[in-house]
Amino acid sequence: MILTGALVNGAAIVAGALVGMFGGKLMPDRLKKAVMSALALIVIGIAVPGLMKSNHALIPILSLVIGTVIGELLDIDGAVNRLGDFLQKKVGGQGSFTQGFVTGTLVFAVGAMAVMGALDSGIKGDHSVLIAKSVIDGISAVVFASTMGLGVAFSGIPVFVLEGLIAVLASVVAPYLGAAVIAEISFTGSLMILAISFNMLGITKIKVLNMTPGLLLPILLCLFM
């Protein structure tokens, strides 16, 4: 089934978050910070291989710049924050519901693994990348939810929707996605993963969600460049 990988990924996030909410409190803050730093380094490690795949440097540059302009004009980051606030009011979330929802969405839904894994699911029916991502996301969700609460579990919903949508669309447009397009998408997404790792380490506060339109632009740009 095309949506198997996306479903497993979303379920792993929810399960990890629930474990973190009820069991994560046993972890001292010092250990949580150490684990978060380790996970940030893992995220960097995930990003680096994708940064070696571009064959046309101008494509990811234009994709990232134009995509960021589009994202800023649409204020995607603000929209996700408002959605988190709405859910917090409806659910009466524990801890910082909005922070958990937004952080989980940023970390789990944006990046080369999400895009490439979903593309593999849609084009080849291969869910191995998303299943591997599920393990990483599940562990991360335990730590996130131990401090940010229920919002982390709800981030599994946009992850499933995004990956599922990409997988379905990929199955439709598969004949038009060559290796060059996938390489440029991977490079652009890997830059975003790198930005996420910097945010996790507290080095930057980049609104990565506002960059996400750039993940689709290589499909268009590769037709003309």
N, C-alpha and C. Protein backbone atom coordinates (compact mmCIF):
# COMPACT_ATOMS: atom_id res chain seq x y z
N MET A 1 0.84 -1.19 0.00
CA MET A 1 0.00 0.00 0.00
C MET A 1 0.88 1.25 0.00
N ILE A 2 0.52 2.23 -0.81
CA ILE A 2 1.32 3.43 -0.96
C ILE A 2 1.52 4.18 0.35
N LEU A 3 0.52 4.18 1.21
CA LEU A 3 0.56 4.99 2.43
C LEU A 3 1.16 4.25 3.63
N THR A 4 1.65 3.04 3.44
CA THR A 4 2.18 2.26 4.56
C THR A 4 3.29 2.99 5.31
N GLY A 5 4.28 3.51 4.58
CA GLY A 5 5.41 4.19 5.22
C GLY A 5 4.97 5.41 6.00
N ALA A 6 4.09 6.23 5.40
CA ALA A 6 3.59 7.43 6.07
C ALA A 6 2.80 7.08 7.32
N LEU A 7 2.00 6.01 7.23
CA LEU A 7 1.20 5.58 8.38
C LEU A 7 2.07 5.11 9.52
N VAL A 8 3.11 4.33 9.21
CA VAL A 8 4.03 3.84 10.24
C VAL A 8 4.75 5.01 10.89
N ASN A 9 5.15 6.00 10.09
CA ASN A 9 5.87 7.15 10.62
C ASN A 9 4.99 7.96 11.57
N GLY A 10 3.75 8.23 11.14
CA GLY A 10 2.83 8.97 12.01
C GLY A 10 2.54 8.24 13.30
N ALA A 11 2.33 6.91 13.21
CA ALA A 11 2.03 6.11 14.39
C ALA A 11 3.23 6.07 15.35
N ALA A 12 4.45 6.01 14.80
CA ALA A 12 5.65 5.98 15.64
C ALA A 12 5.79 7.26 16.44
N ILE A 13 5.45 8.39 15.83
CA ILE A 13 5.52 9.67 16.52
C ILE A 13 4.51 9.72 17.66
N VAL A 14 3.28 9.30 17.37
CA VAL A 14 2.24 9.30 18.41
C VAL A 14 2.64 8.37 19.56
N ALA A 15 3.11 7.18 19.24
CA ALA A 15 3.50 6.21 20.28
C ALA A 15 4.66 6.75 21.10
N GLY A 16 5.68 7.29 20.42
CA GLY A 16 6.83 7.83 21.14
C GLY A 16 6.44 8.99 22.03
N ALA A 17 5.52 9.84 21.55
CA ALA A 17 5.08 10.98 22.33
C ALA A 17 4.33 10.53 23.59
N LEU A 18 3.49 9.52 23.46
CA LEU A 18 2.75 9.02 24.62
C LEU A 18 3.68 8.43 25.66
N VAL A 19 4.70 7.71 25.19
CA VAL A 19 5.70 7.17 26.12
C VAL A 19 6.42 8.31 26.83
N GLY A 20 6.77 9.34 26.06
CA GLY A 20 7.49 10.47 26.63
C GLY A 20 6.66 11.23 27.65
N MET A 21 5.35 11.36 27.38
CA MET A 21 4.49 12.09 28.32
C MET A 21 4.40 11.42 29.68
N PHE A 22 4.33 10.08 29.67
CA PHE A 22 4.12 9.35 30.92
C PHE A 22 5.41 8.80 31.54
N GLY A 23 6.41 8.55 30.70
CA GLY A 23 7.65 7.99 31.23
C GLY A 23 8.83 8.93 31.16
N GLY A 24 8.72 9.94 30.30
CA GLY A 24 9.85 10.86 30.12
C GLY A 24 10.14 11.70 31.33
N LYS A 25 9.14 11.85 32.21
CA LYS A 25 9.35 12.66 33.41
C LYS A 25 10.39 12.05 34.35
N LEU A 26 10.66 10.77 34.14
CA LEU A 26 11.66 10.10 34.98
C LEU A 26 13.08 10.48 34.55
N MET A 27 13.20 11.07 33.36
CA MET A 27 14.52 11.48 32.86
C MET A 27 14.89 12.84 33.43
N PRO A 28 16.07 12.97 34.04
CA PRO A 28 16.50 14.29 34.53
C PRO A 28 16.74 15.25 33.37
N ASP A 29 16.59 16.55 33.63
CA ASP A 29 16.74 17.56 32.59
C ASP A 29 18.10 17.49 31.91
N ARG A 30 19.12 17.20 32.69
CA ARG A 30 20.47 17.14 32.13
C ARG A 30 20.57 16.04 31.08
N LEU A 31 19.90 14.91 31.34
CA LEU A 31 19.92 13.79 30.39
C LEU A 31 19.11 14.14 29.14
N LYS A 32 17.98 14.82 29.32
CA LYS A 32 17.16 15.22 28.19
C LYS A 32 17.93 16.14 27.25
N LYS A 33 18.63 17.12 27.83
CA LYS A 33 19.40 18.05 27.02
C LYS A 33 20.51 17.33 26.27
N ALA A 34 21.15 16.37 26.94
CA ALA A 34 22.23 15.61 26.30
C ALA A 34 21.68 14.79 25.13
N VAL A 35 20.52 14.15 25.34
CA VAL A 35 19.91 13.35 24.28
C VAL A 35 19.49 14.23 23.10
N MET A 36 18.94 15.42 23.41
CA MET A 36 18.54 16.34 22.36
C MET A 36 19.74 16.80 21.52
N SER A 37 20.85 17.05 22.19
CA SER A 37 22.06 17.44 21.47
C SER A 37 22.54 16.30 20.58
N ALA A 38 22.46 15.08 21.10
CA ALA A 38 22.86 13.91 20.31
C ALA A 38 21.96 13.75 19.10
N LEU A 39 20.64 13.96 19.28
CA LEU A 39 19.71 13.85 18.17
C LEU A 39 19.95 14.94 17.13
N ALA A 40 20.33 16.13 17.59
CA ALA A 40 20.65 17.21 16.65
C ALA A 40 21.84 16.83 15.78
N LEU A 41 22.82 16.17 16.37
CA LEU A 41 23.98 15.72 15.59
C LEU A 41 23.56 14.62 14.60
N ILE A 42 22.63 13.77 15.02
CA ILE A 42 22.12 12.73 14.12
C ILE A 42 21.41 13.37 12.93
N VAL A 43 20.64 14.43 13.21
CA VAL A 43 19.94 15.14 12.14
C VAL A 43 20.94 15.73 11.15
N ILE A 44 22.05 16.27 11.67
CA ILE A 44 23.11 16.78 10.79
C ILE A 44 23.65 15.64 9.93
N GLY A 45 23.85 14.49 10.56
CA GLY A 45 24.35 13.33 9.82
C GLY A 45 23.40 12.89 8.71
N ILE A 46 22.09 13.05 8.95
CA ILE A 46 21.09 12.71 7.93
C ILE A 46 21.18 13.70 6.78
N ALA A 47 21.46 14.96 7.11
CA ALA A 47 21.48 16.02 6.09
C ALA A 47 22.70 15.95 5.17
N VAL A 48 23.85 15.61 5.73
CA VAL A 48 25.10 15.69 4.98
C VAL A 48 25.11 14.88 3.68
N PRO A 49 24.69 13.60 3.68
CA PRO A 49 24.73 12.85 2.41
C PRO A 49 23.93 13.50 1.29
N GLY A 50 22.80 14.12 1.64
CA GLY A 50 21.98 14.76 0.63
C GLY A 50 22.62 15.99 0.03
N LEU A 51 23.58 16.58 0.75
CA LEU A 51 24.27 17.78 0.27
C LEU A 51 25.32 17.46 -0.79
N MET A 52 25.47 16.19 -1.10
CA MET A 52 26.47 15.79 -2.10
C MET A 52 25.83 15.35 -3.40
N LYS A 53 24.51 15.53 -3.53
CA LYS A 53 23.80 14.95 -4.67
C LYS A 53 23.46 15.94 -5.78
N SER A 54 23.60 17.24 -5.53
CA SER A 54 23.20 18.22 -6.54
C SER A 54 24.17 18.23 -7.72
N ASN A 55 23.62 18.27 -8.92
CA ASN A 55 24.44 18.37 -10.13
C ASN A 55 24.31 19.73 -10.79
N HIS A 56 23.48 20.59 -10.21
CA HIS A 56 23.25 21.91 -10.78
C HIS A 56 22.99 22.87 -9.62
N ALA A 57 24.04 23.51 -9.12
CA ALA A 57 23.95 24.30 -7.89
C ALA A 57 22.88 25.39 -7.95
N LEU A 58 22.63 25.91 -9.14
CA LEU A 58 21.68 27.01 -9.26
C LEU A 58 20.25 26.58 -8.94
N ILE A 59 19.93 25.31 -9.18
CA ILE A 59 18.56 24.84 -8.94
C ILE A 59 18.20 24.87 -7.45
N PRO A 60 19.00 24.28 -6.55
CA PRO A 60 18.64 24.38 -5.13
C PRO A 60 18.70 25.81 -4.60
N ILE A 61 19.62 26.62 -5.15
CA ILE A 61 19.69 28.02 -4.70
C ILE A 61 18.39 28.75 -5.03
N LEU A 62 17.95 28.64 -6.28
CA LEU A 62 16.70 29.29 -6.69
C LEU A 62 15.50 28.68 -5.96
N SER A 63 15.53 27.36 -5.79
CA SER A 63 14.42 26.70 -5.10
C SER A 63 14.27 27.21 -3.68
N LEU A 64 15.40 27.32 -2.98
CA LEU A 64 15.37 27.74 -1.58
C LEU A 64 14.97 29.20 -1.46
N VAL A 65 15.53 30.06 -2.32
CA VAL A 65 15.23 31.50 -2.24
C VAL A 65 13.78 31.78 -2.63
N ILE A 66 13.37 31.26 -3.80
CA ILE A 66 12.00 31.50 -4.26
C ILE A 66 10.99 30.84 -3.32
N GLY A 67 11.31 29.62 -2.88
CA GLY A 67 10.42 28.91 -1.96
C GLY A 67 10.25 29.65 -0.65
N THR A 68 11.34 30.25 -0.14
CA THR A 68 11.27 31.02 1.10
C THR A 68 10.42 32.27 0.93
N VAL A 69 10.57 32.94 -0.21
CA VAL A 69 9.74 34.12 -0.48
C VAL A 69 8.26 33.74 -0.49
N ILE A 70 7.94 32.64 -1.17
CA ILE A 70 6.56 32.17 -1.21
C ILE A 70 6.06 31.83 0.19
N GLY A 71 6.89 31.11 0.95
CA GLY A 71 6.51 30.70 2.30
C GLY A 71 6.30 31.88 3.23
N GLU A 72 7.16 32.90 3.09
CA GLU A 72 7.02 34.10 3.92
C GLU A 72 5.75 34.86 3.56
N LEU A 73 5.46 34.96 2.27
CA LEU A 73 4.24 35.66 1.84
C LEU A 73 3.00 34.93 2.33
N LEU A 74 3.04 33.60 2.30
CA LEU A 74 1.91 32.80 2.79
C LEU A 74 1.91 32.69 4.31
N ASP A 75 3.06 33.00 4.92
CA ASP A 75 3.23 32.89 6.38
C ASP A 75 2.85 31.49 6.86
N ILE A 76 3.48 30.49 6.29
CA ILE A 76 3.19 29.10 6.66
C ILE A 76 3.50 28.85 8.13
N ASP A 77 4.63 29.39 8.59
CA ASP A 77 5.03 29.22 9.99
C ASP A 77 3.97 29.80 10.92
N GLY A 78 3.49 30.99 10.57
CA GLY A 78 2.45 31.62 11.39
C GLY A 78 1.16 30.82 11.39
N ALA A 79 0.81 30.25 10.23
CA ALA A 79 -0.40 29.46 10.12
C ALA A 79 -0.33 28.21 11.00
N VAL A 80 0.84 27.56 11.01
CA VAL A 80 1.02 26.37 11.84
C VAL A 80 0.94 26.74 13.32
N ASN A 81 1.52 27.89 13.67
CA ASN A 81 1.45 28.35 15.06
C ASN A 81 0.01 28.63 15.47
N ARG A 82 -0.75 29.25 14.57
CA ARG A 82 -2.16 29.55 14.88
C ARG A 82 -2.96 28.26 15.01
N LEU A 83 -2.64 27.26 14.16
CA LEU A 83 -3.31 25.97 14.27
C LEU A 83 -2.99 25.32 15.60
N GLY A 84 -1.73 25.42 16.03
CA GLY A 84 -1.34 24.86 17.32
C GLY A 84 -2.08 25.54 18.47
N ASP A 85 -2.23 26.88 18.39
CA ASP A 85 -2.96 27.62 19.42
C ASP A 85 -4.43 27.18 19.46
N PHE A 86 -5.01 26.98 18.26
CA PHE A 86 -6.40 26.54 18.17
C PHE A 86 -6.58 25.17 18.82
N LEU A 87 -5.67 24.24 18.50
CA LEU A 87 -5.76 22.90 19.07
C LEU A 87 -5.53 22.93 20.57
N GLN A 88 -4.65 23.82 21.02
CA GLN A 88 -4.39 23.92 22.45
C GLN A 88 -5.66 24.34 23.20
N LYS A 89 -6.40 25.28 22.63
CA LYS A 89 -7.64 25.73 23.26
C LYS A 89 -8.69 24.62 23.27
N LYS A 90 -8.74 23.84 22.18
CA LYS A 90 -9.74 22.79 22.07
C LYS A 90 -9.43 21.61 22.98
N VAL A 91 -8.13 21.28 23.07
CA VAL A 91 -7.74 20.08 23.80
C VAL A 91 -7.34 20.38 25.24
N GLY A 92 -6.91 21.61 25.49
CA GLY A 92 -6.41 21.94 26.81
C GLY A 92 -5.10 21.23 27.05
N GLY A 93 -4.16 21.39 26.09
CA GLY A 93 -2.93 20.61 26.07
C GLY A 93 -2.08 20.71 27.31
N GLN A 94 -1.32 19.66 27.56
CA GLN A 94 -0.39 19.62 28.67
C GLN A 94 0.92 20.26 28.25
N GLY A 95 1.50 21.02 29.17
CA GLY A 95 2.77 21.65 28.84
C GLY A 95 2.58 22.69 27.74
N SER A 96 3.60 22.91 26.98
CA SER A 96 3.53 23.86 25.87
C SER A 96 3.03 23.14 24.63
N PHE A 97 1.72 23.08 24.48
CA PHE A 97 1.12 22.33 23.39
C PHE A 97 1.59 22.86 22.04
N THR A 98 1.51 24.19 21.87
CA THR A 98 1.88 24.80 20.59
C THR A 98 3.34 24.54 20.26
N GLN A 99 4.21 24.71 21.25
CA GLN A 99 5.63 24.48 21.03
C GLN A 99 5.88 23.03 20.61
N GLY A 100 5.20 22.10 21.26
CA GLY A 100 5.36 20.70 20.92
C GLY A 100 4.86 20.38 19.53
N PHE A 101 3.70 20.94 19.19
CA PHE A 101 3.11 20.69 17.87
C PHE A 101 4.00 21.27 16.76
N VAL A 102 4.42 22.51 16.94
CA VAL A 102 5.24 23.16 15.92
C VAL A 102 6.61 22.51 15.81
N THR A 103 7.25 22.25 16.95
CA THR A 103 8.57 21.62 16.93
C THR A 103 8.50 20.24 16.29
N GLY A 104 7.49 19.45 16.67
CA GLY A 104 7.34 18.13 16.08
C GLY A 104 7.10 18.19 14.58
N THR A 105 6.25 19.14 14.16
CA THR A 105 5.97 19.28 12.73
C THR A 105 7.23 19.66 11.96
N LEU A 106 8.00 20.61 12.52
CA LEU A 106 9.23 21.04 11.87
C LEU A 106 10.23 19.90 11.75
N VAL A 107 10.45 19.21 12.86
CA VAL A 107 11.49 18.19 12.89
C VAL A 107 11.09 16.94 12.11
N PHE A 108 9.83 16.52 12.23
CA PHE A 108 9.42 15.25 11.65
C PHE A 108 8.92 15.36 10.21
N ALA A 109 8.33 16.51 9.84
CA ALA A 109 7.67 16.60 8.54
C ALA A 109 8.53 17.23 7.45
N VAL A 110 9.54 17.99 7.84
CA VAL A 110 10.34 18.72 6.86
C VAL A 110 11.70 18.05 6.68
N GLY A 111 12.09 17.81 5.45
CA GLY A 111 13.43 17.31 5.22
C GLY A 111 13.51 16.25 4.15
N ALA A 112 14.75 15.94 3.81
CA ALA A 112 15.00 15.02 2.70
C ALA A 112 14.48 13.62 2.98
N MET A 113 14.57 13.15 4.23
CA MET A 113 14.10 11.80 4.52
C MET A 113 12.59 11.69 4.32
N ALA A 114 11.86 12.72 4.75
CA ALA A 114 10.41 12.71 4.57
C ALA A 114 10.05 12.72 3.09
N VAL A 115 10.71 13.61 2.34
CA VAL A 115 10.41 13.73 0.92
C VAL A 115 10.88 12.51 0.15
N MET A 116 12.14 12.13 0.37
CA MET A 116 12.69 11.01 -0.37
C MET A 116 12.00 9.70 0.00
N GLY A 117 11.69 9.53 1.28
CA GLY A 117 10.99 8.32 1.71
C GLY A 117 9.61 8.22 1.09
N ALA A 118 8.90 9.37 1.07
CA ALA A 118 7.57 9.39 0.48
C ALA A 118 7.64 9.15 -1.03
N LEU A 119 8.66 9.72 -1.67
CA LEU A 119 8.84 9.49 -3.11
C LEU A 119 9.09 8.01 -3.40
N ASP A 120 9.93 7.38 -2.57
CA ASP A 120 10.19 5.95 -2.74
C ASP A 120 8.91 5.14 -2.56
N SER A 121 8.09 5.53 -1.58
CA SER A 121 6.83 4.83 -1.35
C SER A 121 5.92 4.94 -2.57
N GLY A 122 5.85 6.16 -3.13
CA GLY A 122 4.94 6.39 -4.24
C GLY A 122 5.43 5.85 -5.56
N ILE A 123 6.75 5.96 -5.80
CA ILE A 123 7.30 5.57 -7.09
C ILE A 123 7.63 4.09 -7.15
N LYS A 124 8.27 3.59 -6.10
CA LYS A 124 8.76 2.21 -6.12
C LYS A 124 8.03 1.27 -5.16
N GLY A 125 7.17 1.82 -4.31
CA GLY A 125 6.52 0.98 -3.31
C GLY A 125 7.50 0.52 -2.24
N ASP A 126 8.60 1.25 -2.08
CA ASP A 126 9.65 0.91 -1.11
C ASP A 126 9.50 1.83 0.10
N HIS A 127 9.18 1.26 1.26
CA HIS A 127 8.92 2.04 2.47
C HIS A 127 10.11 2.04 3.44
N SER A 128 11.24 1.51 3.04
CA SER A 128 12.36 1.32 3.97
C SER A 128 12.88 2.65 4.54
N VAL A 129 12.92 3.70 3.72
CA VAL A 129 13.42 4.99 4.21
C VAL A 129 12.49 5.56 5.27
N LEU A 130 11.19 5.52 5.03
CA LEU A 130 10.24 6.05 6.00
C LEU A 130 10.20 5.21 7.28
N ILE A 131 10.41 3.91 7.14
CA ILE A 131 10.42 3.07 8.34
C ILE A 131 11.66 3.38 9.19
N ALA A 132 12.81 3.58 8.52
CA ALA A 132 14.02 3.98 9.25
C ALA A 132 13.81 5.34 9.91
N LYS A 133 13.16 6.25 9.21
CA LYS A 133 12.85 7.57 9.76
C LYS A 133 11.92 7.45 10.96
N SER A 134 11.02 6.48 10.91
CA SER A 134 10.07 6.28 12.00
C SER A 134 10.78 5.96 13.31
N VAL A 135 11.84 5.17 13.23
CA VAL A 135 12.60 4.82 14.43
C VAL A 135 13.21 6.07 15.05
N ILE A 136 13.84 6.88 14.20
CA ILE A 136 14.46 8.12 14.67
C ILE A 136 13.41 9.06 15.26
N ASP A 137 12.29 9.21 14.53
CA ASP A 137 11.24 10.12 14.98
C ASP A 137 10.60 9.65 16.28
N GLY A 138 10.42 8.33 16.41
CA GLY A 138 9.82 7.80 17.63
C GLY A 138 10.66 8.10 18.86
N ILE A 139 11.98 7.91 18.73
CA ILE A 139 12.89 8.21 19.85
C ILE A 139 12.89 9.69 20.15
N SER A 140 12.92 10.51 19.10
CA SER A 140 12.89 11.96 19.29
C SER A 140 11.60 12.40 19.98
N ALA A 141 10.49 11.77 19.59
CA ALA A 141 9.19 12.13 20.16
C ALA A 141 9.14 11.85 21.67
N VAL A 142 9.82 10.80 22.12
CA VAL A 142 9.87 10.50 23.56
C VAL A 142 10.46 11.68 24.31
N VAL A 143 11.59 12.18 23.80
CA VAL A 143 12.28 13.28 24.47
C VAL A 143 11.47 14.57 24.36
N PHE A 144 10.97 14.87 23.16
CA PHE A 144 10.19 16.09 22.97
C PHE A 144 8.97 16.12 23.88
N ALA A 145 8.21 15.02 23.90
CA ALA A 145 6.96 14.98 24.65
C ALA A 145 7.19 15.02 26.15
N SER A 146 8.35 14.59 26.60
CA SER A 146 8.62 14.62 28.05
C SER A 146 8.68 16.04 28.57
N THR A 147 8.95 17.00 27.69
CA THR A 147 9.02 18.40 28.11
C THR A 147 7.93 19.27 27.47
N MET A 148 7.44 18.87 26.29
CA MET A 148 6.48 19.71 25.57
C MET A 148 5.08 19.12 25.49
N GLY A 149 4.89 17.91 25.97
CA GLY A 149 3.57 17.36 26.13
C GLY A 149 2.83 16.89 24.89
N LEU A 150 1.51 17.00 24.95
CA LEU A 150 0.61 16.38 23.98
C LEU A 150 0.76 16.90 22.56
N GLY A 151 1.23 18.13 22.41
CA GLY A 151 1.37 18.72 21.07
C GLY A 151 2.26 17.89 20.16
N VAL A 152 3.25 17.22 20.74
CA VAL A 152 4.16 16.39 19.95
C VAL A 152 3.40 15.25 19.29
N ALA A 153 2.48 14.65 20.03
CA ALA A 153 1.68 13.54 19.47
C ALA A 153 0.85 14.02 18.29
N PHE A 154 0.28 15.23 18.39
CA PHE A 154 -0.54 15.76 17.31
C PHE A 154 0.28 16.07 16.06
N SER A 155 1.60 16.25 16.22
CA SER A 155 2.44 16.52 15.04
C SER A 155 2.51 15.31 14.12
N GLY A 156 2.13 14.13 14.63
CA GLY A 156 2.09 12.94 13.78
C GLY A 156 1.06 13.06 12.67
N ILE A 157 0.05 13.92 12.88
CA ILE A 157 -1.00 14.09 11.86
C ILE A 157 -0.47 14.78 10.61
N PRO A 158 0.15 15.98 10.74
CA PRO A 158 0.69 16.61 9.53
C PRO A 158 1.80 15.79 8.87
N VAL A 159 2.54 15.03 9.66
CA VAL A 159 3.58 14.17 9.09
C VAL A 159 2.93 13.13 8.17
N PHE A 160 1.90 12.47 8.66
CA PHE A 160 1.19 11.47 7.85
C PHE A 160 0.57 12.10 6.61
N VAL A 161 -0.07 13.28 6.79
CA VAL A 161 -0.73 13.95 5.67
C VAL A 161 0.29 14.36 4.61
N LEU A 162 1.40 14.97 5.04
CA LEU A 162 2.42 15.44 4.09
C LEU A 162 3.06 14.29 3.35
N GLU A 163 3.53 13.29 4.09
CA GLU A 163 4.19 12.15 3.45
C GLU A 163 3.22 11.36 2.58
N GLY A 164 2.00 11.22 3.07
CA GLY A 164 1.00 10.50 2.29
C GLY A 164 0.66 11.23 1.00
N LEU A 165 0.55 12.57 1.09
CA LEU A 165 0.23 13.37 -0.10
C LEU A 165 1.36 13.27 -1.13
N ILE A 166 2.60 13.37 -0.65
CA ILE A 166 3.75 13.27 -1.56
C ILE A 166 3.78 11.89 -2.22
N ALA A 167 3.52 10.85 -1.43
CA ALA A 167 3.54 9.48 -1.96
C ALA A 167 2.48 9.29 -3.04
N VAL A 168 1.27 9.81 -2.78
CA VAL A 168 0.19 9.67 -3.76
C VAL A 168 0.50 10.46 -5.02
N LEU A 169 0.97 11.70 -4.85
CA LEU A 169 1.31 12.52 -6.01
C LEU A 169 2.46 11.91 -6.80
N ALA A 170 3.44 11.36 -6.07
CA ALA A 170 4.58 10.74 -6.73
C ALA A 170 4.15 9.56 -7.59
N SER A 171 3.19 8.80 -7.11
CA SER A 171 2.71 7.65 -7.88
C SER A 171 2.03 8.10 -9.18
N VAL A 172 1.50 9.33 -9.16
CA VAL A 172 0.81 9.87 -10.34
C VAL A 172 1.81 10.47 -11.34
N VAL A 173 2.80 11.20 -10.80
CA VAL A 173 3.74 11.92 -11.68
C VAL A 173 5.07 11.18 -11.86
N ALA A 174 5.13 9.94 -11.39
CA ALA A 174 6.38 9.17 -11.44
C ALA A 174 7.08 9.20 -12.80
N PRO A 175 6.37 9.10 -13.91
CA PRO A 175 7.06 9.11 -15.20
C PRO A 175 7.83 10.39 -15.49
N TYR A 176 7.50 11.46 -14.76
CA TYR A 176 8.12 12.76 -15.04
C TYR A 176 9.24 13.09 -14.05
N LEU A 177 9.46 12.24 -13.06
CA LEU A 177 10.49 12.50 -12.05
C LEU A 177 11.73 11.67 -12.35
N GLY A 178 12.73 12.30 -12.93
CA GLY A 178 13.97 11.61 -13.21
C GLY A 178 14.93 11.69 -12.05
N ALA A 179 16.09 11.07 -12.21
CA ALA A 179 17.10 11.07 -11.15
C ALA A 179 17.59 12.47 -10.83
N ALA A 180 17.67 13.34 -11.85
CA ALA A 180 18.15 14.71 -11.65
C ALA A 180 17.21 15.49 -10.74
N VAL A 181 15.91 15.33 -10.95
CA VAL A 181 14.93 16.04 -10.13
C VAL A 181 15.01 15.58 -8.68
N ILE A 182 15.08 14.27 -8.48
CA ILE A 182 15.15 13.72 -7.13
C ILE A 182 16.41 14.19 -6.41
N ALA A 183 17.53 14.29 -7.14
CA ALA A 183 18.79 14.75 -6.55
C ALA A 183 18.67 16.19 -6.06
N GLU A 184 18.04 17.05 -6.85
CA GLU A 184 17.91 18.46 -6.47
C GLU A 184 16.92 18.63 -5.32
N ILE A 185 15.86 17.82 -5.30
CA ILE A 185 14.93 17.86 -4.17
C ILE A 185 15.65 17.44 -2.90
N SER A 186 16.46 16.40 -3.00
CA SER A 186 17.20 15.89 -1.85
C SER A 186 18.17 16.94 -1.32
N PHE A 187 18.86 17.62 -2.23
CA PHE A 187 19.82 18.66 -1.81
C PHE A 187 19.10 19.80 -1.10
N THR A 188 18.00 20.26 -1.70
CA THR A 188 17.23 21.36 -1.10
C THR A 188 16.67 20.96 0.27
N GLY A 189 16.12 19.75 0.35
CA GLY A 189 15.58 19.28 1.62
C GLY A 189 16.66 19.09 2.67
N SER A 190 17.85 18.68 2.25
CA SER A 190 18.95 18.47 3.19
C SER A 190 19.41 19.79 3.80
N LEU A 191 19.36 20.87 3.02
CA LEU A 191 19.68 22.19 3.57
C LEU A 191 18.70 22.56 4.68
N MET A 192 17.43 22.21 4.47
CA MET A 192 16.42 22.49 5.49
C MET A 192 16.64 21.64 6.73
N ILE A 193 17.04 20.39 6.54
CA ILE A 193 17.35 19.52 7.69
C ILE A 193 18.50 20.12 8.50
N LEU A 194 19.48 20.65 7.80
CA LEU A 194 20.62 21.28 8.48
C LEU A 194 20.14 22.45 9.32
N ALA A 195 19.22 23.24 8.76
CA ALA A 195 18.66 24.38 9.50
C ALA A 195 17.93 23.91 10.75
N ILE A 196 17.21 22.79 10.62
CA ILE A 196 16.49 22.23 11.77
C ILE A 196 17.46 21.84 12.88
N SER A 197 18.57 21.22 12.50
CA SER A 197 19.56 20.80 13.51
C SER A 197 20.13 22.01 14.24
N PHE A 198 20.36 23.11 13.52
CA PHE A 198 20.86 24.33 14.15
C PHE A 198 19.83 24.89 15.14
N ASN A 199 18.55 24.82 14.76
CA ASN A 199 17.49 25.25 15.67
C ASN A 199 17.45 24.38 16.92
N MET A 200 17.62 23.07 16.73
CA MET A 200 17.60 22.15 17.87
C MET A 200 18.73 22.43 18.85
N LEU A 201 19.86 22.86 18.32
CA LEU A 201 21.02 23.17 19.16
C LEU A 201 20.95 24.57 19.75
N GLY A 202 19.93 25.34 19.36
CA GLY A 202 19.78 26.69 19.88
C GLY A 202 20.67 27.72 19.22
N ILE A 203 21.27 27.34 18.08
CA ILE A 203 22.18 28.26 17.39
C ILE A 203 21.39 29.30 16.59
N THR A 204 20.29 28.87 15.99
CA THR A 204 19.47 29.76 15.16
C THR A 204 18.00 29.59 15.49
N LYS A 205 17.17 30.47 14.94
CA LYS A 205 15.71 30.36 15.05
C LYS A 205 15.12 30.55 13.65
N ILE A 206 15.54 29.69 12.74
CA ILE A 206 15.10 29.77 11.35
C ILE A 206 13.68 29.23 11.22
N LYS A 207 12.83 29.96 10.49
CA LYS A 207 11.46 29.49 10.23
C LYS A 207 11.48 28.53 9.05
N VAL A 208 11.82 27.30 9.33
CA VAL A 208 12.02 26.31 8.27
C VAL A 208 10.73 26.03 7.50
N LEU A 209 9.60 26.11 8.20
CA LEU A 209 8.33 25.84 7.53
C LEU A 209 8.10 26.80 6.36
N ASN A 210 8.59 28.02 6.49
CA ASN A 210 8.41 28.99 5.41
C ASN A 210 9.30 28.69 4.20
N MET A 211 10.19 27.74 4.34
CA MET A 211 11.05 27.35 3.23
C MET A 211 10.50 26.16 2.45
N THR A 212 9.51 25.48 3.01
CA THR A 212 9.06 24.21 2.44
C THR A 212 8.54 24.28 1.00
N PRO A 213 7.99 25.41 0.52
CA PRO A 213 7.61 25.44 -0.90
C PRO A 213 8.78 25.17 -1.83
N GLY A 214 10.00 25.41 -1.35
CA GLY A 214 11.19 25.17 -2.16
C GLY A 214 11.40 23.70 -2.49
N LEU A 215 10.75 22.79 -1.77
CA LEU A 215 10.91 21.36 -2.04
C LEU A 215 10.24 20.96 -3.36
N LEU A 216 9.27 21.74 -3.79
CA LEU A 216 8.56 21.42 -5.02
C LEU A 216 9.16 22.09 -6.25
N LEU A 217 9.90 23.16 -6.04
CA LEU A 217 10.39 23.94 -7.18
C LEU A 217 11.40 23.21 -8.08
N PRO A 218 12.25 22.29 -7.55
CA PRO A 218 13.16 21.59 -8.47
C PRO A 218 12.43 20.85 -9.58
N ILE A 219 11.22 20.39 -9.33
CA ILE A 219 10.44 19.70 -10.36
C ILE A 219 10.22 20.62 -11.55
N LEU A 220 9.93 21.88 -11.27
CA LEU A 220 9.70 22.86 -12.32
C LEU A 220 11.01 23.35 -12.94
N LEU A 221 11.97 23.67 -12.07
CA LEU A 221 13.22 24.25 -12.56
C LEU A 221 14.03 23.27 -13.43
N CYS A 222 13.95 21.99 -13.13
CA CYS A 222 14.69 21.00 -13.90
C CYS A 222 14.17 20.89 -15.35
N LEU A 223 12.97 21.39 -15.58
CA LEU A 223 12.43 21.37 -16.94
C LEU A 223 13.07 22.42 -17.82
N PHE A 224 13.62 23.47 -17.20
CA PHE A 224 14.14 24.60 -17.96
C PHE A 224 15.65 24.80 -17.81
N MET A 225 16.28 24.03 -16.94
CA MET A 225 17.72 24.26 -16.67
C MET A 225 18.51 22.96 -16.86
